[in-house]
Amino acid sequence: MEQHQVSQRQACDVLQVDRSAVRYLSRRGDDADLCDAIKRVSRERRRFGYRRVHVMMARESFEVNHKKVRRIYREKKLKVRSRSGRKRALGTRWPIVLPDGPNQRWSLDFVSDALTDGRRFRILAVVDDFSRENLALVADTSLTRHRVDRKLDEIIAERSMPKPIVLDNGT
């Protein structure tokens, strides 16, 4: 208005702004004391949300609306982080039935190590769970699915096939 020497009405018409918005003067008081008190309580009581902070402000003789406490609480980013829920097991767990004789359950496990030149190798261990007898140890730098199938077929031909074969679900 000063630069172009126009009235307030003309400037508002050009900018398409309502004149009441230009004339508006905020009547909001200074909340510095309240803001400092909210910050202090939030630092002392980290798990308090804005509702409990509002109660603390009332105890400290601040006559303030809970909505104002919430607005300041959000502006200062004092939000309490929500705790993560308890991790629960997926599905139902069945107890593992212990075998009461040999050749009823086998366990398969892969063990890995490295040679002195840095090459990795793996060992397939097949164990009878009842007798703790080692049925097979297959070592190689690369154990393919076909190699494992072939070895299991050899053991099954030598002994009878067990009902379950237990794996540790590793890599």
N, C-alpha and C. Protein backbone atom coordinates (compact mmCIF):
# COMPACT_ATOMS: atom_id res chain seq x y z
N MET A 1 0.83 -1.18 0.00
CA MET A 1 0.00 0.00 0.00
C MET A 1 0.87 1.25 0.00
N GLU A 2 1.95 1.23 0.79
CA GLU A 2 2.83 2.39 0.84
C GLU A 2 3.62 2.54 -0.46
N GLN A 3 4.06 1.40 -1.01
CA GLN A 3 4.90 1.45 -2.21
C GLN A 3 4.11 1.90 -3.44
N HIS A 4 2.86 1.42 -3.59
CA HIS A 4 2.08 1.76 -4.79
C HIS A 4 1.06 2.86 -4.54
N GLN A 5 1.04 3.39 -3.34
CA GLN A 5 0.15 4.51 -2.99
C GLN A 5 -1.31 4.17 -3.31
N VAL A 6 -1.76 3.01 -2.76
CA VAL A 6 -3.16 2.60 -2.94
C VAL A 6 -3.78 2.41 -1.57
N SER A 7 -5.10 2.40 -1.54
CA SER A 7 -5.80 2.20 -0.28
C SER A 7 -5.79 0.73 0.10
N GLN A 8 -6.18 0.51 1.34
CA GLN A 8 -6.22 -0.88 1.82
C GLN A 8 -7.26 -1.69 1.04
N ARG A 9 -8.40 -1.05 0.73
CA ARG A 9 -9.46 -1.73 -0.01
C ARG A 9 -8.96 -2.12 -1.40
N GLN A 10 -8.27 -1.24 -2.10
CA GLN A 10 -7.77 -1.55 -3.45
C GLN A 10 -6.70 -2.65 -3.41
N ALA A 11 -5.80 -2.59 -2.42
CA ALA A 11 -4.74 -3.60 -2.31
C ALA A 11 -5.35 -4.98 -2.02
N CYS A 12 -6.36 -5.02 -1.16
CA CYS A 12 -7.00 -6.31 -0.85
C CYS A 12 -7.76 -6.85 -2.05
N ASP A 13 -8.38 -5.95 -2.86
CA ASP A 13 -9.08 -6.39 -4.06
C ASP A 13 -8.10 -7.00 -5.07
N VAL A 14 -6.94 -6.37 -5.25
CA VAL A 14 -5.94 -6.87 -6.20
C VAL A 14 -5.38 -8.22 -5.74
N LEU A 15 -5.08 -8.33 -4.47
CA LEU A 15 -4.50 -9.57 -3.93
C LEU A 15 -5.56 -10.62 -3.60
N GLN A 16 -6.83 -10.26 -3.72
CA GLN A 16 -7.96 -11.12 -3.40
C GLN A 16 -7.86 -11.67 -1.97
N VAL A 17 -7.64 -10.73 -1.04
CA VAL A 17 -7.54 -11.04 0.37
C VAL A 17 -8.66 -10.29 1.09
N ASP A 18 -9.26 -10.93 2.08
CA ASP A 18 -10.31 -10.28 2.85
C ASP A 18 -9.69 -9.21 3.74
N ARG A 19 -10.36 -8.06 3.85
CA ARG A 19 -9.79 -6.95 4.63
C ARG A 19 -9.74 -7.28 6.12
N SER A 20 -10.65 -8.10 6.59
CA SER A 20 -10.64 -8.45 8.02
C SER A 20 -9.39 -9.26 8.36
N ALA A 21 -8.88 -10.04 7.40
CA ALA A 21 -7.66 -10.80 7.65
C ALA A 21 -6.45 -9.88 7.74
N VAL A 22 -6.45 -8.80 6.98
CA VAL A 22 -5.34 -7.85 7.01
C VAL A 22 -5.36 -7.05 8.31
N ARG A 23 -6.56 -6.71 8.77
CA ARG A 23 -6.70 -5.90 9.99
C ARG A 23 -6.57 -6.71 11.27
N TYR A 24 -6.58 -8.02 11.18
CA TYR A 24 -6.63 -8.89 12.37
C TYR A 24 -5.42 -8.68 13.27
N LEU A 25 -5.67 -8.50 14.54
CA LEU A 25 -4.61 -8.40 15.55
C LEU A 25 -4.85 -9.53 16.55
N SER A 26 -3.84 -10.36 16.78
CA SER A 26 -3.97 -11.49 17.68
C SER A 26 -4.07 -10.99 19.12
N ARG A 27 -4.99 -11.60 19.88
CA ARG A 27 -5.13 -11.25 21.29
C ARG A 27 -4.51 -12.32 22.18
N ARG A 28 -3.83 -13.28 21.58
CA ARG A 28 -3.24 -14.36 22.35
C ARG A 28 -2.12 -13.81 23.23
N GLY A 29 -2.17 -14.19 24.48
CA GLY A 29 -1.16 -13.71 25.43
C GLY A 29 0.16 -14.43 25.26
N ASP A 30 1.13 -14.00 26.02
CA ASP A 30 2.45 -14.61 25.96
C ASP A 30 2.44 -15.89 26.80
N ASP A 31 2.72 -17.01 26.15
CA ASP A 31 2.69 -18.31 26.82
C ASP A 31 4.08 -18.79 27.22
N ALA A 32 5.04 -17.90 27.38
CA ALA A 32 6.41 -18.31 27.64
C ALA A 32 6.53 -19.07 28.97
N ASP A 33 5.86 -18.56 30.03
CA ASP A 33 5.92 -19.23 31.33
C ASP A 33 5.29 -20.62 31.26
N LEU A 34 4.11 -20.70 30.62
CA LEU A 34 3.43 -21.97 30.48
C LEU A 34 4.26 -22.94 29.63
N CYS A 35 4.84 -22.43 28.57
CA CYS A 35 5.66 -23.27 27.69
C CYS A 35 6.87 -23.83 28.43
N ASP A 36 7.53 -23.00 29.21
CA ASP A 36 8.68 -23.45 30.00
C ASP A 36 8.27 -24.50 31.03
N ALA A 37 7.10 -24.29 31.65
CA ALA A 37 6.63 -25.25 32.66
C ALA A 37 6.28 -26.59 32.00
N ILE A 38 5.66 -26.57 30.83
CA ILE A 38 5.33 -27.82 30.12
C ILE A 38 6.60 -28.56 29.73
N LYS A 39 7.60 -27.82 29.24
CA LYS A 39 8.88 -28.46 28.88
C LYS A 39 9.54 -29.08 30.10
N ARG A 40 9.52 -28.37 31.21
CA ARG A 40 10.16 -28.87 32.43
C ARG A 40 9.49 -30.15 32.91
N VAL A 41 8.15 -30.15 32.94
CA VAL A 41 7.42 -31.34 33.39
C VAL A 41 7.66 -32.50 32.42
N SER A 42 7.71 -32.21 31.13
CA SER A 42 7.94 -33.27 30.13
C SER A 42 9.33 -33.86 30.26
N ARG A 43 10.30 -33.05 30.64
CA ARG A 43 11.66 -33.58 30.85
C ARG A 43 11.73 -34.43 32.11
N GLU A 44 11.04 -33.98 33.16
CA GLU A 44 11.05 -34.73 34.42
C GLU A 44 10.29 -36.04 34.30
N ARG A 45 9.15 -36.00 33.63
CA ARG A 45 8.26 -37.16 33.50
C ARG A 45 8.13 -37.51 32.02
N ARG A 46 9.07 -38.28 31.53
CA ARG A 46 9.14 -38.57 30.09
C ARG A 46 7.95 -39.35 29.56
N ARG A 47 7.30 -40.15 30.40
CA ARG A 47 6.18 -40.97 29.93
C ARG A 47 4.84 -40.26 30.06
N PHE A 48 4.83 -38.98 30.45
CA PHE A 48 3.58 -38.24 30.58
C PHE A 48 3.14 -37.70 29.23
N GLY A 49 1.87 -37.90 28.89
CA GLY A 49 1.30 -37.29 27.70
C GLY A 49 0.75 -35.92 28.05
N TYR A 50 0.10 -35.28 27.06
CA TYR A 50 -0.36 -33.92 27.29
C TYR A 50 -1.47 -33.86 28.35
N ARG A 51 -2.27 -34.92 28.47
CA ARG A 51 -3.36 -34.90 29.46
C ARG A 51 -2.80 -34.87 30.89
N ARG A 52 -1.80 -35.70 31.15
CA ARG A 52 -1.22 -35.72 32.50
C ARG A 52 -0.40 -34.46 32.75
N VAL A 53 0.21 -33.91 31.68
CA VAL A 53 0.93 -32.64 31.83
C VAL A 53 -0.07 -31.54 32.18
N HIS A 54 -1.28 -31.60 31.59
CA HIS A 54 -2.31 -30.61 31.91
C HIS A 54 -2.68 -30.67 33.39
N VAL A 55 -2.78 -31.88 33.95
CA VAL A 55 -3.07 -32.03 35.37
C VAL A 55 -1.95 -31.41 36.21
N MET A 56 -0.70 -31.65 35.79
CA MET A 56 0.44 -31.07 36.52
C MET A 56 0.41 -29.54 36.44
N MET A 57 -0.01 -28.99 35.28
CA MET A 57 -0.09 -27.53 35.15
C MET A 57 -1.17 -26.98 36.09
N ALA A 58 -2.28 -27.70 36.24
CA ALA A 58 -3.34 -27.26 37.15
C ALA A 58 -2.84 -27.28 38.59
N ARG A 59 -2.00 -28.30 38.93
CA ARG A 59 -1.44 -28.36 40.29
C ARG A 59 -0.47 -27.22 40.55
N GLU A 60 0.19 -26.75 39.48
CA GLU A 60 1.13 -25.63 39.63
C GLU A 60 0.43 -24.29 39.46
N SER A 61 -0.89 -24.28 39.59
CA SER A 61 -1.75 -23.09 39.55
C SER A 61 -1.72 -22.36 38.21
N PHE A 62 -1.55 -23.08 37.11
CA PHE A 62 -1.74 -22.51 35.78
C PHE A 62 -3.19 -22.79 35.40
N GLU A 63 -4.01 -21.74 35.27
CA GLU A 63 -5.39 -21.93 34.83
C GLU A 63 -5.39 -21.90 33.31
N VAL A 64 -5.31 -23.09 32.74
CA VAL A 64 -5.17 -23.18 31.29
C VAL A 64 -6.02 -24.33 30.78
N ASN A 65 -6.56 -24.18 29.60
CA ASN A 65 -7.39 -25.18 28.95
C ASN A 65 -6.53 -26.34 28.47
N HIS A 66 -7.08 -27.56 28.47
CA HIS A 66 -6.30 -28.73 28.03
C HIS A 66 -5.95 -28.64 26.55
N LYS A 67 -6.78 -27.91 25.77
CA LYS A 67 -6.50 -27.77 24.34
C LYS A 67 -5.26 -26.90 24.10
N LYS A 68 -5.08 -25.93 24.95
CA LYS A 68 -3.88 -25.07 24.83
C LYS A 68 -2.63 -25.86 25.21
N VAL A 69 -2.74 -26.70 26.26
CA VAL A 69 -1.60 -27.55 26.64
C VAL A 69 -1.27 -28.50 25.49
N ARG A 70 -2.29 -29.06 24.86
CA ARG A 70 -2.07 -29.97 23.74
C ARG A 70 -1.39 -29.25 22.57
N ARG A 71 -1.83 -28.04 22.26
CA ARG A 71 -1.24 -27.28 21.15
C ARG A 71 0.24 -27.00 21.41
N ILE A 72 0.58 -26.54 22.61
CA ILE A 72 1.98 -26.26 22.94
C ILE A 72 2.79 -27.55 22.96
N TYR A 73 2.19 -28.61 23.51
CA TYR A 73 2.85 -29.92 23.59
C TYR A 73 3.23 -30.41 22.20
N ARG A 74 2.32 -30.24 21.23
CA ARG A 74 2.60 -30.67 19.86
C ARG A 74 3.59 -29.74 19.17
N GLU A 75 3.49 -28.44 19.40
CA GLU A 75 4.40 -27.48 18.76
C GLU A 75 5.84 -27.73 19.19
N LYS A 76 6.04 -28.09 20.44
CA LYS A 76 7.40 -28.33 20.96
C LYS A 76 7.87 -29.76 20.72
N LYS A 77 7.05 -30.56 20.03
CA LYS A 77 7.39 -31.95 19.68
C LYS A 77 7.77 -32.77 20.91
N LEU A 78 6.89 -32.74 21.91
CA LEU A 78 7.12 -33.46 23.16
C LEU A 78 6.37 -34.78 23.21
N LYS A 79 5.88 -35.24 22.07
CA LYS A 79 5.06 -36.44 22.03
C LYS A 79 5.81 -37.64 22.61
N VAL A 80 5.10 -38.44 23.39
CA VAL A 80 5.66 -39.65 23.99
C VAL A 80 5.71 -40.73 22.92
N ARG A 81 6.86 -41.36 22.77
CA ARG A 81 6.96 -42.45 21.79
C ARG A 81 6.22 -43.67 22.31
N SER A 82 5.42 -44.26 21.44
CA SER A 82 4.65 -45.43 21.87
C SER A 82 5.57 -46.64 21.96
N ARG A 83 5.33 -47.44 22.97
CA ARG A 83 6.15 -48.64 23.15
C ARG A 83 5.69 -49.70 22.18
N SER A 84 6.63 -50.49 21.71
CA SER A 84 6.26 -51.56 20.79
C SER A 84 5.61 -52.69 21.58
N GLY A 85 4.72 -53.39 20.92
CA GLY A 85 3.99 -54.47 21.57
C GLY A 85 4.87 -55.67 21.81
N ARG A 86 4.39 -56.56 22.66
CA ARG A 86 5.13 -57.77 22.98
C ARG A 86 5.11 -58.69 21.78
N LYS A 87 6.26 -59.27 21.47
CA LYS A 87 6.34 -60.19 20.34
C LYS A 87 5.79 -61.55 20.77
N ARG A 88 4.86 -62.05 19.98
CA ARG A 88 4.25 -63.33 20.26
C ARG A 88 4.64 -64.33 19.20
N ALA A 89 4.67 -65.59 19.58
CA ALA A 89 5.01 -66.65 18.64
C ALA A 89 3.89 -66.80 17.63
N LEU A 90 4.26 -67.00 16.37
CA LEU A 90 3.27 -67.20 15.33
C LEU A 90 2.86 -68.66 15.30
N GLY A 91 1.58 -68.89 15.18
CA GLY A 91 1.09 -70.26 15.10
C GLY A 91 1.11 -70.94 16.45
N THR A 92 0.76 -72.21 16.44
CA THR A 92 0.76 -72.98 17.69
C THR A 92 2.00 -73.85 17.73
N ARG A 93 2.56 -73.98 18.89
CA ARG A 93 3.76 -74.79 19.05
C ARG A 93 3.36 -76.14 19.62
N TRP A 94 3.88 -77.19 19.01
CA TRP A 94 3.64 -78.54 19.49
C TRP A 94 4.90 -79.04 20.16
N PRO A 95 4.77 -79.68 21.30
CA PRO A 95 5.97 -80.21 21.96
C PRO A 95 6.57 -81.33 21.12
N ILE A 96 7.89 -81.37 21.06
CA ILE A 96 8.59 -82.41 20.30
C ILE A 96 8.54 -83.70 21.12
N VAL A 97 7.99 -84.73 20.50
CA VAL A 97 7.89 -86.02 21.16
C VAL A 97 9.24 -86.72 21.07
N LEU A 98 9.77 -87.15 22.19
CA LEU A 98 11.06 -87.82 22.21
C LEU A 98 10.91 -89.25 21.67
N PRO A 99 11.82 -89.68 20.81
CA PRO A 99 11.73 -91.05 20.28
C PRO A 99 12.04 -92.07 21.39
N ASP A 100 11.37 -93.21 21.32
CA ASP A 100 11.60 -94.24 22.35
C ASP A 100 12.36 -95.44 21.79
N GLY A 101 12.95 -95.27 20.63
CA GLY A 101 13.76 -96.34 20.04
C GLY A 101 14.61 -95.79 18.91
N PRO A 102 15.63 -96.55 18.47
CA PRO A 102 16.48 -96.07 17.39
C PRO A 102 15.73 -96.03 16.06
N ASN A 103 16.20 -95.15 15.18
CA ASN A 103 15.71 -95.03 13.82
C ASN A 103 14.25 -94.54 13.75
N GLN A 104 13.82 -93.78 14.75
CA GLN A 104 12.47 -93.21 14.73
C GLN A 104 12.48 -91.74 14.32
N ARG A 105 13.54 -91.03 14.65
CA ARG A 105 13.65 -89.62 14.25
C ARG A 105 15.11 -89.29 14.00
N TRP A 106 15.37 -88.60 12.88
CA TRP A 106 16.72 -88.15 12.54
C TRP A 106 16.76 -86.63 12.58
N SER A 107 17.95 -86.10 12.81
CA SER A 107 18.18 -84.66 12.76
C SER A 107 19.23 -84.37 11.70
N LEU A 108 18.96 -83.36 10.89
CA LEU A 108 19.91 -82.92 9.87
C LEU A 108 20.43 -81.54 10.27
N ASP A 109 21.72 -81.33 10.07
CA ASP A 109 22.29 -80.03 10.36
C ASP A 109 23.45 -79.77 9.43
N PHE A 110 23.62 -78.54 9.03
CA PHE A 110 24.75 -78.14 8.19
C PHE A 110 25.72 -77.34 9.05
N VAL A 111 26.98 -77.73 9.01
CA VAL A 111 28.03 -77.05 9.75
C VAL A 111 29.00 -76.49 8.72
N SER A 112 29.48 -75.28 8.92
CA SER A 112 30.41 -74.70 7.95
C SER A 112 31.68 -74.23 8.65
N ASP A 113 32.76 -74.20 7.87
CA ASP A 113 34.05 -73.74 8.37
C ASP A 113 34.85 -73.26 7.17
N ALA A 114 36.09 -72.85 7.40
CA ALA A 114 36.93 -72.36 6.30
C ALA A 114 38.28 -73.08 6.35
N LEU A 115 38.83 -73.28 5.15
CA LEU A 115 40.17 -73.87 5.04
C LEU A 115 41.21 -72.78 5.27
N THR A 116 42.47 -73.16 5.33
CA THR A 116 43.52 -72.17 5.59
C THR A 116 43.66 -71.18 4.44
N ASP A 117 43.29 -71.60 3.22
CA ASP A 117 43.38 -70.66 2.09
C ASP A 117 42.15 -69.77 1.98
N GLY A 118 41.20 -69.89 2.92
CA GLY A 118 40.04 -69.00 2.95
C GLY A 118 38.80 -69.57 2.30
N ARG A 119 38.90 -70.72 1.63
CA ARG A 119 37.72 -71.30 1.00
C ARG A 119 36.80 -71.89 2.06
N ARG A 120 35.50 -71.69 1.88
CA ARG A 120 34.51 -72.21 2.83
C ARG A 120 34.13 -73.63 2.44
N PHE A 121 33.82 -74.44 3.43
CA PHE A 121 33.27 -75.76 3.16
C PHE A 121 32.18 -76.05 4.17
N ARG A 122 31.26 -76.93 3.78
CA ARG A 122 30.12 -77.28 4.63
C ARG A 122 30.10 -78.77 4.88
N ILE A 123 29.55 -79.14 6.02
CA ILE A 123 29.41 -80.55 6.38
C ILE A 123 27.95 -80.80 6.71
N LEU A 124 27.38 -81.83 6.07
CA LEU A 124 26.03 -82.26 6.40
C LEU A 124 26.15 -83.37 7.44
N ALA A 125 25.51 -83.18 8.58
CA ALA A 125 25.53 -84.18 9.65
C ALA A 125 24.12 -84.74 9.81
N VAL A 126 24.01 -86.07 9.74
CA VAL A 126 22.73 -86.76 9.95
C VAL A 126 22.90 -87.60 11.21
N VAL A 127 22.03 -87.37 12.22
CA VAL A 127 22.17 -88.02 13.52
C VAL A 127 20.84 -88.67 13.90
N ASP A 128 20.91 -89.88 14.45
CA ASP A 128 19.74 -90.55 15.03
C ASP A 128 19.55 -89.96 16.43
N ASP A 129 18.34 -89.40 16.69
CA ASP A 129 18.11 -88.68 17.93
C ASP A 129 18.05 -89.58 19.16
N PHE A 130 17.63 -90.83 19.02
CA PHE A 130 17.53 -91.71 20.18
C PHE A 130 18.91 -92.24 20.59
N SER A 131 19.62 -92.83 19.64
CA SER A 131 20.90 -93.46 19.97
C SER A 131 22.09 -92.50 19.88
N ARG A 132 21.85 -91.29 19.38
CA ARG A 132 22.92 -90.29 19.16
C ARG A 132 23.99 -90.81 18.20
N GLU A 133 23.60 -91.73 17.35
CA GLU A 133 24.53 -92.32 16.38
C GLU A 133 24.64 -91.39 15.18
N ASN A 134 25.87 -91.18 14.74
CA ASN A 134 26.11 -90.36 13.56
C ASN A 134 25.90 -91.23 12.33
N LEU A 135 24.86 -90.96 11.55
CA LEU A 135 24.52 -91.78 10.39
C LEU A 135 25.32 -91.37 9.16
N ALA A 136 25.65 -90.09 9.03
CA ALA A 136 26.42 -89.65 7.86
C ALA A 136 27.05 -88.30 8.13
N LEU A 137 28.23 -88.12 7.56
CA LEU A 137 28.91 -86.82 7.50
C LEU A 137 29.35 -86.63 6.07
N VAL A 138 28.82 -85.62 5.41
CA VAL A 138 29.15 -85.34 4.02
C VAL A 138 29.79 -83.97 3.99
N ALA A 139 31.06 -83.89 3.59
CA ALA A 139 31.78 -82.62 3.55
C ALA A 139 32.11 -82.27 2.11
N ASP A 140 31.92 -80.99 1.77
CA ASP A 140 32.25 -80.52 0.43
C ASP A 140 32.21 -79.00 0.43
N THR A 141 32.84 -78.40 -0.58
CA THR A 141 32.79 -76.94 -0.69
C THR A 141 31.43 -76.48 -1.20
N SER A 142 30.71 -77.40 -1.88
CA SER A 142 29.38 -77.07 -2.38
C SER A 142 28.49 -78.30 -2.23
N LEU A 143 27.51 -78.22 -1.35
CA LEU A 143 26.56 -79.31 -1.16
C LEU A 143 25.25 -78.95 -1.86
N THR A 144 24.98 -79.67 -2.95
CA THR A 144 23.76 -79.40 -3.69
C THR A 144 22.60 -80.21 -3.13
N ARG A 145 21.41 -79.85 -3.56
CA ARG A 145 20.21 -80.56 -3.13
C ARG A 145 20.26 -82.01 -3.59
N HIS A 146 20.76 -82.22 -4.82
CA HIS A 146 20.83 -83.59 -5.36
C HIS A 146 21.79 -84.46 -4.55
N ARG A 147 22.90 -83.84 -4.10
CA ARG A 147 23.88 -84.59 -3.31
C ARG A 147 23.27 -84.99 -1.96
N VAL A 148 22.52 -84.09 -1.33
CA VAL A 148 21.87 -84.39 -0.05
C VAL A 148 20.80 -85.47 -0.25
N ASP A 149 20.00 -85.35 -1.32
CA ASP A 149 18.98 -86.38 -1.61
C ASP A 149 19.61 -87.75 -1.81
N ARG A 150 20.70 -87.78 -2.55
CA ARG A 150 21.36 -89.06 -2.82
C ARG A 150 21.85 -89.70 -1.53
N LYS A 151 22.46 -88.89 -0.64
CA LYS A 151 22.98 -89.43 0.62
C LYS A 151 21.85 -89.92 1.52
N LEU A 152 20.73 -89.18 1.58
CA LEU A 152 19.60 -89.62 2.39
C LEU A 152 19.00 -90.91 1.83
N ASP A 153 18.94 -91.03 0.50
CA ASP A 153 18.43 -92.28 -0.11
C ASP A 153 19.32 -93.46 0.25
N GLU A 154 20.65 -93.24 0.30
CA GLU A 154 21.59 -94.32 0.69
C GLU A 154 21.34 -94.76 2.13
N ILE A 155 21.15 -93.81 3.02
CA ILE A 155 20.93 -94.14 4.44
C ILE A 155 19.59 -94.86 4.60
N ILE A 156 18.56 -94.41 3.87
CA ILE A 156 17.24 -95.03 3.96
C ILE A 156 17.28 -96.46 3.42
N ALA A 157 18.08 -96.70 2.36
CA ALA A 157 18.21 -98.05 1.82
C ALA A 157 18.91 -98.96 2.83
N GLU A 158 19.86 -98.43 3.57
CA GLU A 158 20.60 -99.20 4.57
C GLU A 158 19.74 -99.46 5.81
N ARG A 159 18.98 -98.46 6.26
CA ARG A 159 18.08 -98.55 7.42
C ARG A 159 16.67 -98.27 6.92
N SER A 160 15.68 -98.31 7.75
CA SER A 160 14.33 -97.93 7.33
C SER A 160 14.16 -96.41 7.50
N MET A 161 13.18 -95.86 6.80
CA MET A 161 12.96 -94.42 6.84
C MET A 161 12.27 -94.02 8.14
N PRO A 162 12.75 -92.96 8.82
CA PRO A 162 12.10 -92.51 10.06
C PRO A 162 10.82 -91.75 9.73
N LYS A 163 9.97 -91.60 10.73
CA LYS A 163 8.72 -90.82 10.52
C LYS A 163 9.06 -89.35 10.30
N PRO A 164 9.65 -88.64 11.30
CA PRO A 164 10.05 -87.25 11.04
C PRO A 164 11.56 -87.12 10.85
N ILE A 165 11.94 -86.12 10.07
CA ILE A 165 13.34 -85.70 9.96
C ILE A 165 13.35 -84.22 10.39
N VAL A 166 14.11 -83.92 11.41
CA VAL A 166 14.09 -82.59 12.02
C VAL A 166 15.24 -81.76 11.46
N LEU A 167 14.91 -80.51 11.04
CA LEU A 167 15.90 -79.54 10.56
C LEU A 167 15.85 -78.32 11.47
N ASP A 168 16.94 -77.55 11.50
CA ASP A 168 16.95 -76.36 12.35
C ASP A 168 16.51 -75.11 11.61
N ASN A 169 16.06 -75.25 10.37
CA ASN A 169 15.58 -74.13 9.56
C ASN A 169 16.62 -73.03 9.38
N GLY A 170 17.88 -73.38 9.40
CA GLY A 170 18.94 -72.41 9.14
C GLY A 170 19.12 -72.20 7.65
N THR A 171 20.17 -71.51 7.28
CA THR A 171 20.42 -71.27 5.86
C THR A 171 20.93 -72.53 5.18
